[in-house]
Amino acid sequence: MFQFILRRTVGAVVTLFLIGAATFFLFVAAPSDYASLACGKDCSPARLEDIRTALGLNLPIAQQFWDFMSGILMGRDFPEGHCSAPCLGQSFYYNDMVWNLIKDRFPTTLSLTLGALVVFLVVGLGAGMLAAYKRGSLVDKVATGSSMVLSSFQIYFLGPIALTVLVYSTGWMENPQYVPFTEDPVGWLVGLSIPMVVMATIFTAQYTRMARASMIEQLAEEHVRTARAKGMSQRYVFFRYAWRGSLIPIVTVLGIDISALLGGGVVTELTFSLQGIGRLAVDGAVQKDLPLTMGIMLFGAFFILILNILTDIVYAYIDPRVRLS
């Protein structure tokens, strides 16, 4: 298992380096002039030249690339001061280091992502397994029918409806907001419960159908039929033999859906006016803040790679044959 994790980690480091290189050269090839954007509208030629010199834009491309990549590991010096590692550059719109901005906004996005992940895995897999266990019953029909209906909804449609019903009309809940978990765990859960559930709804519907189909397929395997023939109970066969095998395709799809989950986080943060990484990325794109956009791209890639490594570890635990591949 250790060698398996080591291989995945080395592969992730190489991938992150390639993403960083591609991001940098896309930044260099961008038609916008970073120095002009940082200087503002009323910018004198002398001030523009000072900015170019301070940011190293007058250096050769190879030197700029080295400064950018080495700054992530060792930090960089800017006119406003030293940027400690990991240095992802300086945002001219917020007039702050990109890493500081990401670090302040990341807890909100992490809470949304992990909260939605837990909700749709618990509810989706639970409903799907129950539907497979009660195949053909009313429970099965309700679970599959509900999943088909919910899968047609979108976050930007469900979000306003949830706010109107639960917040504005009835006042049952407060307007969604982020409260640090370390300060108030209950306030953290209550403040983000609506966005978490709305964000998880579409994935819940998808994983309900997937879990049901995977479990039904596993129940038809030879080793399961053999266990039944030996007189084992339906419940024991269900949880001892079919459950683990049914998780293999689900974990595979989960690794792919992680990026989609982060994409849904952008829409969720905009819908509920939450100050997370998604909202920060939109602000960077609107303001043409290229260093901020680059930093968020790199951080998003790093976050996805970490979650994919964790997914691979779970996959290898479920199916030991993966460790030998």
C-alpha atoms as a PDB file:
ATOM      1  CA  MET A   1       0.000   0.000   0.000  1.00  0.00           C
ATOM      2  CA  PHE A   2       2.874   2.386   0.794  1.00  0.00           C
ATOM      3  CA  GLN A   3       4.404   1.950  -2.662  1.00  0.00           C
ATOM      4  CA  PHE A   4       0.987   2.474  -4.215  1.00  0.00           C
ATOM      5  CA  ILE A   5       0.514   5.776  -2.338  1.00  0.00           C
ATOM      6  CA  LEU A   6       4.078   6.824  -3.192  1.00  0.00           C
ATOM      7  CA  ARG A   7       3.492   6.241  -6.921  1.00  0.00           C
ATOM      8  CA  ARG A   8       0.280   8.248  -6.827  1.00  0.00           C
ATOM      9  CA  THR A   9       1.968  11.086  -4.926  1.00  0.00           C
ATOM     10  CA  VAL A  10       4.905  11.304  -7.347  1.00  0.00           C
ATOM     11  CA  GLY A  11       2.497  11.313 -10.264  1.00  0.00           C
ATOM     12  CA  ALA A  12       0.505  14.113  -8.636  1.00  0.00           C
ATOM     13  CA  VAL A  13       3.662  16.221  -8.133  1.00  0.00           C
ATOM     14  CA  VAL A  14       4.635  15.825 -11.791  1.00  0.00           C
ATOM     15  CA  THR A  15       1.100  16.663 -12.894  1.00  0.00           C
ATOM     16  CA  LEU A  16       1.037  19.768 -10.706  1.00  0.00           C
ATOM     17  CA  PHE A  17       4.345  20.938 -12.166  1.00  0.00           C
ATOM     18  CA  LEU A  18       3.025  20.528 -15.707  1.00  0.00           C
ATOM     19  CA  ILE A  19      -0.160  22.398 -14.806  1.00  0.00           C
ATOM     20  CA  GLY A  20       1.926  25.206 -13.282  1.00  0.00           C
ATOM     21  CA  ALA A  21       4.065  25.439 -16.418  1.00  0.00           C
ATOM     22  CA  ALA A  22       1.026  25.442 -18.707  1.00  0.00           C
ATOM     23  CA  THR A  23      -0.671  28.082 -16.561  1.00  0.00           C
ATOM     24  CA  PHE A  24       2.387  30.322 -16.630  1.00  0.00           C
ATOM     25  CA  PHE A  25       2.853  30.185 -20.397  1.00  0.00           C
ATOM     26  CA  LEU A  26      -0.857  30.811 -20.946  1.00  0.00           C
ATOM     27  CA  PHE A  27      -0.430  33.849 -18.706  1.00  0.00           C
ATOM     28  CA  VAL A  28       2.567  35.024 -20.759  1.00  0.00           C
ATOM     29  CA  ALA A  29       0.652  34.489 -24.004  1.00  0.00           C
ATOM     30  CA  ALA A  30      -2.409  36.403 -22.731  1.00  0.00           C
ATOM     31  CA  PRO A  31      -3.232  39.480 -24.816  1.00  0.00           C
ATOM     32  CA  SER A  32      -3.761  41.661 -21.752  1.00  0.00           C
ATOM     33  CA  ASP A  33      -0.830  43.644 -20.418  1.00  0.00           C
ATOM     34  CA  TYR A  34      -0.462  42.724 -16.767  1.00  0.00           C
ATOM     35  CA  ALA A  35       1.557  45.848 -15.961  1.00  0.00           C
ATOM     36  CA  SER A  36      -1.096  48.129 -17.502  1.00  0.00           C
ATOM     37  CA  LEU A  37      -3.855  46.377 -15.573  1.00  0.00           C
ATOM     38  CA  ALA A  38      -1.911  46.673 -12.316  1.00  0.00           C
ATOM     39  CA  CYS A  39      -1.105  50.328 -12.931  1.00  0.00           C
ATOM     40  CA  GLY A  40      -4.703  51.399 -13.522  1.00  0.00           C
ATOM     41  CA  LYS A  41      -6.306  53.940 -15.865  1.00  0.00           C
ATOM     42  CA  ASP A  42      -4.404  57.075 -14.861  1.00  0.00           C
ATOM     43  CA  CYS A  43      -0.953  55.563 -15.285  1.00  0.00           C
ATOM     44  CA  SER A  44       2.116  57.495 -16.336  1.00  0.00           C
ATOM     45  CA  PRO A  45       4.756  55.873 -18.570  1.00  0.00           C
ATOM     46  CA  ALA A  46       7.316  56.147 -15.778  1.00  0.00           C
ATOM     47  CA  ARG A  47       5.010  54.397 -13.303  1.00  0.00           C
ATOM     48  CA  LEU A  48       4.256  51.692 -15.886  1.00  0.00           C
ATOM     49  CA  GLU A  49       7.959  51.055 -16.400  1.00  0.00           C
ATOM     50  CA  ASP A  50       8.538  50.855 -12.641  1.00  0.00           C
ATOM     51  CA  ILE A  51       5.827  48.195 -12.358  1.00  0.00           C
ATOM     52  CA  ARG A  52       7.324  46.200 -15.212  1.00  0.00           C
ATOM     53  CA  THR A  53      10.721  46.282 -13.520  1.00  0.00           C
ATOM     54  CA  ALA A  54       9.357  45.430 -10.072  1.00  0.00           C
ATOM     55  CA  LEU A  55       7.370  42.457 -11.372  1.00  0.00           C
ATOM     56  CA  GLY A  56      10.210  41.221 -13.564  1.00  0.00           C
ATOM     57  CA  LEU A  57       8.212  41.560 -16.790  1.00  0.00           C
ATOM     58  CA  ASN A  58      11.283  42.964 -18.564  1.00  0.00           C
ATOM     59  CA  LEU A  59      13.261  39.782 -17.842  1.00  0.00           C
ATOM     60  CA  PRO A  60      13.611  36.873 -20.273  1.00  0.00           C
ATOM     61  CA  ILE A  61      10.724  34.376 -20.275  1.00  0.00           C
ATOM     62  CA  ALA A  62      12.941  31.633 -18.841  1.00  0.00           C
ATOM     63  CA  GLN A  63      13.901  33.836 -15.880  1.00  0.00           C
ATOM     64  CA  GLN A  64      10.261  34.798 -15.282  1.00  0.00           C
ATOM     65  CA  PHE A  65       9.295  31.115 -15.321  1.00  0.00           C
ATOM     66  CA  TRP A  66      12.031  30.266 -12.814  1.00  0.00           C
ATOM     67  CA  ASP A  67      10.979  33.087 -10.501  1.00  0.00           C
ATOM     68  CA  PHE A  68       7.348  31.967 -10.700  1.00  0.00           C
ATOM     69  CA  MET A  69       8.006  28.266 -10.006  1.00  0.00           C
ATOM     70  CA  SER A  70      10.704  28.838  -7.383  1.00  0.00           C
ATOM     71  CA  GLY A  71       8.461  31.360  -5.653  1.00  0.00           C
ATOM     72  CA  ILE A  72       5.937  28.604  -4.982  1.00  0.00           C
ATOM     73  CA  LEU A  73       8.580  26.654  -3.081  1.00  0.00           C
ATOM     74  CA  MET A  74      10.796  29.386  -1.638  1.00  0.00           C
ATOM     75  CA  GLY A  75       8.853  32.647  -1.864  1.00  0.00           C
ATOM     76  CA  ARG A  76       9.483  35.881  -3.786  1.00  0.00           C
ATOM     77  CA  ASP A  77      10.161  39.545  -3.156  1.00  0.00           C
ATOM     78  CA  PHE A  78       7.696  42.187  -4.369  1.00  0.00           C
ATOM     79  CA  PRO A  79       7.708  45.987  -4.019  1.00  0.00           C
ATOM     80  CA  GLU A  80       5.181  45.685  -1.173  1.00  0.00           C
ATOM     81  CA  GLY A  81       7.315  43.134   0.657  1.00  0.00           C
ATOM     82  CA  HIS A  82       8.301  39.494   0.757  1.00  0.00           C
ATOM     83  CA  CYS A  83       5.817  36.845  -0.320  1.00  0.00           C
ATOM     84  CA  SER A  84       6.380  33.699   1.716  1.00  0.00           C
ATOM     85  CA  ALA A  85       6.107  30.250   0.186  1.00  0.00           C
ATOM     86  CA  PRO A  86       3.859  29.111  -1.320  1.00  0.00           C
ATOM     87  CA  CYS A  87       3.895  32.384  -3.251  1.00  0.00           C
ATOM     88  CA  LEU A  88       1.318  32.437  -6.045  1.00  0.00           C
ATOM     89  CA  GLY A  89       1.864  36.074  -6.966  1.00  0.00           C
ATOM     90  CA  GLN A  90       0.267  39.376  -6.045  1.00  0.00           C
ATOM     91  CA  SER A  91      -3.299  40.439  -6.830  1.00  0.00           C
ATOM     92  CA  PHE A  92      -3.394  43.992  -8.129  1.00  0.00           C
ATOM     93  CA  TYR A  93      -7.191  44.222  -7.669  1.00  0.00           C
ATOM     94  CA  TYR A  94      -7.143  43.301  -3.950  1.00  0.00           C
ATOM     95  CA  ASN A  95      -3.601  44.660  -3.440  1.00  0.00           C
ATOM     96  CA  ASP A  96      -2.676  41.566  -1.466  1.00  0.00           C
ATOM     97  CA  MET A  97      -0.804  38.322  -1.974  1.00  0.00           C
ATOM     98  CA  VAL A  98      -2.835  35.692  -3.807  1.00  0.00           C
ATOM     99  CA  TRP A  99      -2.064  33.015  -1.215  1.00  0.00           C
ATOM    100  CA  ASN A 100      -3.416  35.205   1.589  1.00  0.00           C
ATOM    101  CA  LEU A 101      -6.669  35.685  -0.322  1.00  0.00           C
ATOM    102  CA  ILE A 102      -7.014  31.958  -1.046  1.00  0.00           C
ATOM    103  CA  LYS A 103      -6.184  31.055   2.539  1.00  0.00           C
ATOM    104  CA  ASP A 104      -8.923  33.368   3.847  1.00  0.00           C
ATOM    105  CA  ARG A 105     -11.576  32.091   1.423  1.00  0.00           C
ATOM    106  CA  PHE A 106     -10.679  28.392   1.347  1.00  0.00           C
ATOM    107  CA  PRO A 107     -12.453  27.317   4.590  1.00  0.00           C
ATOM    108  CA  THR A 108     -15.809  28.346   3.107  1.00  0.00           C
ATOM    109  CA  THR A 109     -15.260  26.365  -0.089  1.00  0.00           C
ATOM    110  CA  LEU A 110     -13.859  23.372   1.799  1.00  0.00           C
ATOM    111  CA  SER A 111     -16.868  23.342   4.115  1.00  0.00           C
ATOM    112  CA  LEU A 112     -19.286  23.435   1.186  1.00  0.00           C
ATOM    113  CA  THR A 113     -17.448  20.763  -0.779  1.00  0.00           C
ATOM    114  CA  LEU A 114     -16.933  18.276   2.031  1.00  0.00           C
ATOM    115  CA  GLY A 115     -20.389  18.930   3.480  1.00  0.00           C
ATOM    116  CA  ALA A 116     -22.093  18.299   0.143  1.00  0.00           C
ATOM    117  CA  LEU A 117     -19.882  15.250  -0.394  1.00  0.00           C
ATOM    118  CA  VAL A 118     -20.957  13.704   2.902  1.00  0.00           C
ATOM    119  CA  VAL A 119     -24.628  14.484   2.250  1.00  0.00           C
ATOM    120  CA  PHE A 120     -24.883  12.975  -1.208  1.00  0.00           C
ATOM    121  CA  LEU A 121     -22.749   9.937  -0.334  1.00  0.00           C
ATOM    122  CA  VAL A 122     -24.743   9.099   2.786  1.00  0.00           C
ATOM    123  CA  VAL A 123     -28.182   9.854   1.337  1.00  0.00           C
ATOM    124  CA  GLY A 124     -27.477   8.775  -2.242  1.00  0.00           C
ATOM    125  CA  LEU A 125     -25.729   5.505  -1.442  1.00  0.00           C
ATOM    126  CA  GLY A 126     -28.164   4.744   1.363  1.00  0.00           C
ATOM    127  CA  ALA A 127     -31.208   5.288  -0.851  1.00  0.00           C
ATOM    128  CA  GLY A 128     -29.662   3.337  -3.720  1.00  0.00           C
ATOM    129  CA  MET A 129     -28.712   0.363  -1.559  1.00  0.00           C
ATOM    130  CA  LEU A 130     -32.141   0.356   0.074  1.00  0.00           C
ATOM    131  CA  ALA A 131     -33.819   0.455  -3.343  1.00  0.00           C
ATOM    132  CA  ALA A 132     -31.713  -2.517  -4.467  1.00  0.00           C
ATOM    133  CA  TYR A 133     -32.460  -4.422  -1.257  1.00  0.00           C
ATOM    134  CA  LYS A 134     -36.196  -3.755  -1.705  1.00  0.00           C
ATOM    135  CA  ARG A 135     -36.121  -4.182  -5.470  1.00  0.00           C
ATOM    136  CA  GLY A 136     -39.558  -3.950  -7.044  1.00  0.00           C
ATOM    137  CA  SER A 137     -41.217  -2.603  -3.883  1.00  0.00           C
ATOM    138  CA  LEU A 138     -42.781   0.786  -3.244  1.00  0.00           C
ATOM    139  CA  VAL A 139     -39.532   1.931  -1.604  1.00  0.00           C
ATOM    140  CA  ASP A 140     -37.629   1.108  -4.793  1.00  0.00           C
ATOM    141  CA  LYS A 141     -40.105   2.966  -6.985  1.00  0.00           C
ATOM    142  CA  VAL A 142     -40.101   6.063  -4.753  1.00  0.00           C
ATOM    143  CA  ALA A 143     -36.289   6.176  -4.581  1.00  0.00           C
ATOM    144  CA  THR A 144     -35.734   5.772  -8.316  1.00  0.00           C
ATOM    145  CA  GLY A 145     -38.597   8.118  -9.237  1.00  0.00           C
ATOM    146  CA  SER A 146     -37.384  10.829  -6.873  1.00  0.00           C
ATOM    147  CA  SER A 147     -33.841  10.538  -8.186  1.00  0.00           C
ATOM    148  CA  MET A 148     -35.009  11.026 -11.761  1.00  0.00           C
ATOM    149  CA  VAL A 149     -36.955  14.152 -10.799  1.00  0.00           C
ATOM    150  CA  LEU A 150     -34.174  15.677  -8.689  1.00  0.00           C
ATOM    151  CA  SER A 151     -31.525  15.037 -11.352  1.00  0.00           C
ATOM    152  CA  SER A 152     -33.296  17.506 -13.657  1.00  0.00           C
ATOM    153  CA  PHE A 153     -32.871  20.390 -11.192  1.00  0.00           C
ATOM    154  CA  GLN A 154     -29.962  22.844 -11.104  1.00  0.00           C
ATOM    155  CA  ILE A 155     -28.314  24.729  -8.248  1.00  0.00           C
ATOM    156  CA  TYR A 156     -29.292  28.154  -9.598  1.00  0.00           C
ATOM    157  CA  PHE A 157     -32.909  26.949  -9.680  1.00  0.00           C
ATOM    158  CA  LEU A 158     -33.093  25.163  -6.330  1.00  0.00           C
ATOM    159  CA  GLY A 159     -31.087  27.814  -4.475  1.00  0.00           C
ATOM    160  CA  PRO A 160     -33.547  30.727  -4.837  1.00  0.00           C
ATOM    161  CA  ILE A 161     -36.468  28.404  -4.101  1.00  0.00           C
ATOM    162  CA  ALA A 162     -34.833  27.167  -0.896  1.00  0.00           C
ATOM    163  CA  LEU A 163     -34.047  30.727   0.176  1.00  0.00           C
ATOM    164  CA  THR A 164     -37.590  31.917  -0.546  1.00  0.00           C
ATOM    165  CA  VAL A 165     -39.260  29.061   1.327  1.00  0.00           C
ATOM    166  CA  LEU A 166     -36.906  28.544   4.266  1.00  0.00           C
ATOM    167  CA  VAL A 167     -35.556  32.064   4.838  1.00  0.00           C
ATOM    168  CA  TYR A 168     -37.636  34.880   3.345  1.00  0.00           C
ATOM    169  CA  SER A 169     -41.204  33.503   3.576  1.00  0.00           C
ATOM    170  CA  THR A 170     -41.266  31.341   6.688  1.00  0.00           C
ATOM    171  CA  GLY A 171     -38.182  32.560   8.551  1.00  0.00           C
ATOM    172  CA  TRP A 172     -37.435  29.013   9.665  1.00  0.00           C
ATOM    173  CA  MET A 173     -33.738  29.509   8.991  1.00  0.00           C
ATOM    174  CA  GLU A 174     -31.280  32.367   8.859  1.00  0.00           C
ATOM    175  CA  ASN A 175     -29.686  33.587   5.650  1.00  0.00           C
ATOM    176  CA  PRO A 176     -26.752  31.269   4.814  1.00  0.00           C
ATOM    177  CA  GLN A 177     -23.393  32.423   6.106  1.00  0.00           C
ATOM    178  CA  TYR A 178     -20.041  30.923   6.956  1.00  0.00           C
ATOM    179  CA  VAL A 179     -19.077  30.591  10.612  1.00  0.00           C
ATOM    180  CA  PRO A 180     -15.690  28.995  11.391  1.00  0.00           C
ATOM    181  CA  PHE A 181     -16.125  25.451  12.616  1.00  0.00           C
ATOM    182  CA  THR A 182     -13.554  25.925  15.357  1.00  0.00           C
ATOM    183  CA  GLU A 183     -15.506  28.845  16.811  1.00  0.00           C
ATOM    184  CA  ASP A 184     -19.046  27.487  16.625  1.00  0.00           C
ATOM    185  CA  PRO A 185     -19.637  23.987  15.171  1.00  0.00           C
ATOM    186  CA  VAL A 186     -23.410  24.308  15.450  1.00  0.00           C
ATOM    187  CA  GLY A 187     -23.396  27.728  13.818  1.00  0.00           C
ATOM    188  CA  TRP A 188     -21.153  26.359  11.061  1.00  0.00           C
ATOM    189  CA  LEU A 189     -23.597  23.546  10.303  1.00  0.00           C
ATOM    190  CA  VAL A 190     -26.712  25.710  10.496  1.00  0.00           C
ATOM    191  CA  GLY A 191     -25.194  28.511   8.453  1.00  0.00           C
ATOM    192  CA  LEU A 192     -24.187  26.244   5.561  1.00  0.00           C
ATOM    193  CA  SER A 193     -26.889  23.577   5.758  1.00  0.00           C
ATOM    194  CA  ILE A 194     -29.036  25.027   2.947  1.00  0.00           C
ATOM    195  CA  PRO A 195     -26.141  25.466   0.465  1.00  0.00           C
ATOM    196  CA  MET A 196     -24.792  22.008   1.318  1.00  0.00           C
ATOM    197  CA  VAL A 197     -28.129  20.285   0.716  1.00  0.00           C
ATOM    198  CA  VAL A 198     -28.850  22.244  -2.470  1.00  0.00           C
ATOM    199  CA  MET A 199     -25.370  21.531  -3.811  1.00  0.00           C
ATOM    200  CA  ALA A 200     -25.684  17.830  -2.963  1.00  0.00           C
ATOM    201  CA  THR A 201     -29.164  17.349  -4.452  1.00  0.00           C
ATOM    202  CA  ILE A 202     -28.117  16.666  -8.045  1.00  0.00           C
ATOM    203  CA  PHE A 203     -25.296  14.346  -6.985  1.00  0.00           C
ATOM    204  CA  THR A 204     -27.617  12.548  -4.566  1.00  0.00           C
ATOM    205  CA  ALA A 205     -29.967  11.681  -7.427  1.00  0.00           C
ATOM    206  CA  GLN A 206     -27.094  10.451  -9.579  1.00  0.00           C
ATOM    207  CA  TYR A 207     -25.549   8.268  -6.868  1.00  0.00           C
ATOM    208  CA  THR A 208     -28.902   6.799  -5.884  1.00  0.00           C
ATOM    209  CA  ARG A 209     -29.376   5.363  -9.368  1.00  0.00           C
ATOM    210  CA  MET A 210     -25.727   4.340  -9.604  1.00  0.00           C
ATOM    211  CA  ALA A 211     -25.713   2.550  -6.236  1.00  0.00           C
ATOM    212  CA  ARG A 212     -28.922   0.708  -7.056  1.00  0.00           C
ATOM    213  CA  ALA A 213     -27.662  -0.475 -10.449  1.00  0.00           C
ATOM    214  CA  SER A 214     -24.264  -1.491  -9.057  1.00  0.00           C
ATOM    215  CA  MET A 215     -25.769  -3.422  -6.170  1.00  0.00           C
ATOM    216  CA  ILE A 216     -28.244  -5.261  -8.404  1.00  0.00           C
ATOM    217  CA  GLU A 217     -25.356  -6.223 -10.679  1.00  0.00           C
ATOM    218  CA  GLN A 218     -23.348  -7.523  -7.734  1.00  0.00           C
ATOM    219  CA  LEU A 219     -26.275  -9.551  -6.426  1.00  0.00           C
ATOM    220  CA  ALA A 220     -26.279 -11.431  -9.741  1.00  0.00           C
ATOM    221  CA  GLU A 221     -22.593 -12.443  -9.486  1.00  0.00           C
ATOM    222  CA  GLU A 222     -21.658 -16.103  -9.051  1.00  0.00           C
ATOM    223  CA  HIS A 223     -20.019 -15.731  -5.643  1.00  0.00           C
ATOM    224  CA  VAL A 224     -23.185 -14.110  -4.305  1.00  0.00           C
ATOM    225  CA  ARG A 225     -25.384 -16.864  -5.699  1.00  0.00           C
ATOM    226  CA  THR A 226     -23.010 -19.411  -4.185  1.00  0.00           C
ATOM    227  CA  ALA A 227     -23.300 -17.755  -0.786  1.00  0.00           C
ATOM    228  CA  ARG A 228     -27.079 -17.910  -1.032  1.00  0.00           C
ATOM    229  CA  ALA A 229     -26.924 -21.556  -2.041  1.00  0.00           C
ATOM    230  CA  LYS A 230     -24.974 -22.299   1.152  1.00  0.00           C
ATOM    231  CA  GLY A 231     -27.932 -21.055   3.158  1.00  0.00           C
ATOM    232  CA  MET A 232     -26.645 -17.629   4.158  1.00  0.00           C
ATOM    233  CA  SER A 233     -29.273 -15.005   4.920  1.00  0.00           C
ATOM    234  CA  GLN A 234     -30.172 -12.292   2.438  1.00  0.00           C
ATOM    235  CA  ARG A 235     -28.976  -9.563   4.779  1.00  0.00           C
ATOM    236  CA  TYR A 236     -25.621 -11.249   5.403  1.00  0.00           C
ATOM    237  CA  VAL A 237     -25.022 -11.821   1.690  1.00  0.00           C
ATOM    238  CA  PHE A 238     -26.045  -8.240   0.941  1.00  0.00           C
ATOM    239  CA  PHE A 239     -23.597  -6.593   3.336  1.00  0.00           C
ATOM    240  CA  ARG A 240     -20.817  -9.209   3.405  1.00  0.00           C
ATOM    241  CA  TYR A 241     -20.447 -10.043  -0.299  1.00  0.00           C
ATOM    242  CA  ALA A 242     -22.298  -7.543  -2.494  1.00  0.00           C
ATOM    243  CA  TRP A 243     -21.734  -4.239  -0.642  1.00  0.00           C
ATOM    244  CA  ARG A 244     -17.956  -3.984  -1.079  1.00  0.00           C
ATOM    245  CA  GLY A 245     -17.981  -5.003  -4.745  1.00  0.00           C
ATOM    246  CA  SER A 246     -20.707  -2.494  -5.583  1.00  0.00           C
ATOM    247  CA  LEU A 247     -18.549   0.369  -4.310  1.00  0.00           C
ATOM    248  CA  ILE A 248     -15.818  -0.097  -6.953  1.00  0.00           C
ATOM    249  CA  PRO A 249     -17.600   1.651  -9.883  1.00  0.00           C
ATOM    250  CA  ILE A 250     -19.001   4.271  -7.496  1.00  0.00           C
ATOM    251  CA  VAL A 251     -15.554   5.239  -6.204  1.00  0.00           C
ATOM    252  CA  THR A 252     -14.302   5.406  -9.800  1.00  0.00           C
ATOM    253  CA  VAL A 253     -17.004   7.887 -10.770  1.00  0.00           C
ATOM    254  CA  LEU A 254     -16.501   9.806  -7.514  1.00  0.00           C
ATOM    255  CA  GLY A 255     -12.932  10.600  -8.498  1.00  0.00           C
ATOM    256  CA  ILE A 256     -14.219  12.112 -11.743  1.00  0.00           C
ATOM    257  CA  ASP A 257     -17.035  14.009 -10.038  1.00  0.00           C
ATOM    258  CA  ILE A 258     -14.700  15.839  -7.662  1.00  0.00           C
ATOM    259  CA  SER A 259     -13.954  18.516 -10.252  1.00  0.00           C
ATOM    260  CA  ALA A 260     -17.672  18.823 -11.000  1.00  0.00           C
ATOM    261  CA  LEU A 261     -18.291  19.257  -7.280  1.00  0.00           C
ATOM    262  CA  LEU A 262     -15.863  22.183  -7.176  1.00  0.00           C
ATOM    263  CA  GLY A 263     -17.553  23.656 -10.246  1.00  0.00           C
ATOM    264  CA  GLY A 264     -20.867  23.405  -8.444  1.00  0.00           C
ATOM    265  CA  GLY A 265     -19.255  25.219  -5.529  1.00  0.00           C
ATOM    266  CA  VAL A 266     -18.717  28.274  -7.730  1.00  0.00           C
ATOM    267  CA  VAL A 267     -22.406  28.452  -8.619  1.00  0.00           C
ATOM    268  CA  THR A 268     -23.425  27.748  -5.021  1.00  0.00           C
ATOM    269  CA  GLU A 269     -21.272  30.541  -3.621  1.00  0.00           C
ATOM    270  CA  LEU A 270     -22.681  33.011  -6.123  1.00  0.00           C
ATOM    271  CA  THR A 271     -26.263  31.882  -5.468  1.00  0.00           C
ATOM    272  CA  PHE A 272     -25.984  32.199  -1.677  1.00  0.00           C
ATOM    273  CA  SER A 273     -23.542  35.167  -1.625  1.00  0.00           C
ATOM    274  CA  LEU A 274     -20.819  33.209   0.150  1.00  0.00           C
ATOM    275  CA  GLN A 275     -17.252  34.468   0.056  1.00  0.00           C
ATOM    276  CA  GLY A 276     -15.333  31.405  -1.073  1.00  0.00           C
ATOM    277  CA  ILE A 277     -12.782  30.445  -3.697  1.00  0.00           C
ATOM    278  CA  GLY A 278     -15.459  30.345  -6.391  1.00  0.00           C
ATOM    279  CA  ARG A 279     -16.521  33.920  -5.743  1.00  0.00           C
ATOM    280  CA  LEU A 280     -12.849  34.933  -5.664  1.00  0.00           C
ATOM    281  CA  ALA A 281     -12.264  33.262  -9.057  1.00  0.00           C
ATOM    282  CA  VAL A 282     -15.199  35.130 -10.595  1.00  0.00           C
ATOM    283  CA  ASP A 283     -13.903  38.444  -9.229  1.00  0.00           C
ATOM    284  CA  GLY A 284     -10.461  37.701 -10.660  1.00  0.00           C
ATOM    285  CA  ALA A 285     -11.898  36.927 -14.084  1.00  0.00           C
ATOM    286  CA  VAL A 286     -14.142  40.012 -14.121  1.00  0.00           C
ATOM    287  CA  GLN A 287     -11.309  42.317 -13.050  1.00  0.00           C
ATOM    288  CA  LYS A 288      -8.816  40.591 -15.389  1.00  0.00           C
ATOM    289  CA  ASP A 289      -6.614  39.927 -12.398  1.00  0.00           C
ATOM    290  CA  LEU A 290      -4.349  37.383 -14.081  1.00  0.00           C
ATOM    291  CA  PRO A 291      -2.116  36.566 -11.063  1.00  0.00           C
ATOM    292  CA  LEU A 292      -5.205  35.866  -8.974  1.00  0.00           C
ATOM    293  CA  THR A 293      -6.701  33.689 -11.714  1.00  0.00           C
ATOM    294  CA  MET A 294      -3.432  31.783 -12.111  1.00  0.00           C
ATOM    295  CA  GLY A 295      -3.131  31.217  -8.380  1.00  0.00           C
ATOM    296  CA  ILE A 296      -6.675  29.902  -8.088  1.00  0.00           C
ATOM    297  CA  MET A 297      -6.137  27.574 -11.052  1.00  0.00           C
ATOM    298  CA  LEU A 298      -3.012  26.111  -9.458  1.00  0.00           C
ATOM    299  CA  PHE A 299      -4.639  25.791  -6.051  1.00  0.00           C
ATOM    300  CA  GLY A 300      -7.732  24.182  -7.570  1.00  0.00           C
ATOM    301  CA  ALA A 301      -5.544  21.686  -9.413  1.00  0.00           C
ATOM    302  CA  PHE A 302      -3.690  20.898  -6.179  1.00  0.00           C
ATOM    303  CA  PHE A 303      -6.952  20.413  -4.286  1.00  0.00           C
ATOM    304  CA  ILE A 304      -8.359  18.093  -6.962  1.00  0.00           C
ATOM    305  CA  LEU A 305      -5.144  16.053  -7.056  1.00  0.00           C
ATOM    306  CA  ILE A 306      -5.213  15.600  -3.273  1.00  0.00           C
ATOM    307  CA  LEU A 307      -8.826  14.412  -3.365  1.00  0.00           C
ATOM    308  CA  ASN A 308      -8.009  12.085  -6.259  1.00  0.00           C
ATOM    309  CA  ILE A 309      -5.144  10.548  -4.278  1.00  0.00           C
ATOM    310  CA  LEU A 310      -7.529   9.940  -1.374  1.00  0.00           C
ATOM    311  CA  THR A 311      -9.998   8.401  -3.820  1.00  0.00           C
ATOM    312  CA  ASP A 312      -7.270   6.118  -5.176  1.00  0.00           C
ATOM    313  CA  ILE A 313      -6.405   4.996  -1.648  1.00  0.00           C
ATOM    314  CA  VAL A 314     -10.042   4.127  -0.958  1.00  0.00           C
ATOM    315  CA  TYR A 315     -10.231   2.363  -4.321  1.00  0.00           C
ATOM    316  CA  ALA A 316      -7.122   0.307  -3.528  1.00  0.00           C
ATOM    317  CA  TYR A 317      -8.556  -0.623  -0.137  1.00  0.00           C
ATOM    318  CA  ILE A 318     -11.806  -1.800  -1.696  1.00  0.00           C
ATOM    319  CA  ASP A 319     -10.141  -3.627  -4.595  1.00  0.00           C
ATOM    320  CA  PRO A 320      -6.604  -4.870  -3.676  1.00  0.00           C
ATOM    321  CA  ARG A 321      -5.937  -5.773  -7.328  1.00  0.00           C
ATOM    322  CA  VAL A 322      -5.416  -2.066  -8.037  1.00  0.00           C
ATOM    323  CA  ARG A 323      -2.229  -2.027  -5.925  1.00  0.00           C
ATOM    324  CA  LEU A 324      -0.594  -4.501  -8.305  1.00  0.00           C
ATOM    325  CA  SER A 325      -1.425  -2.618 -11.497  1.00  0.00           C
END
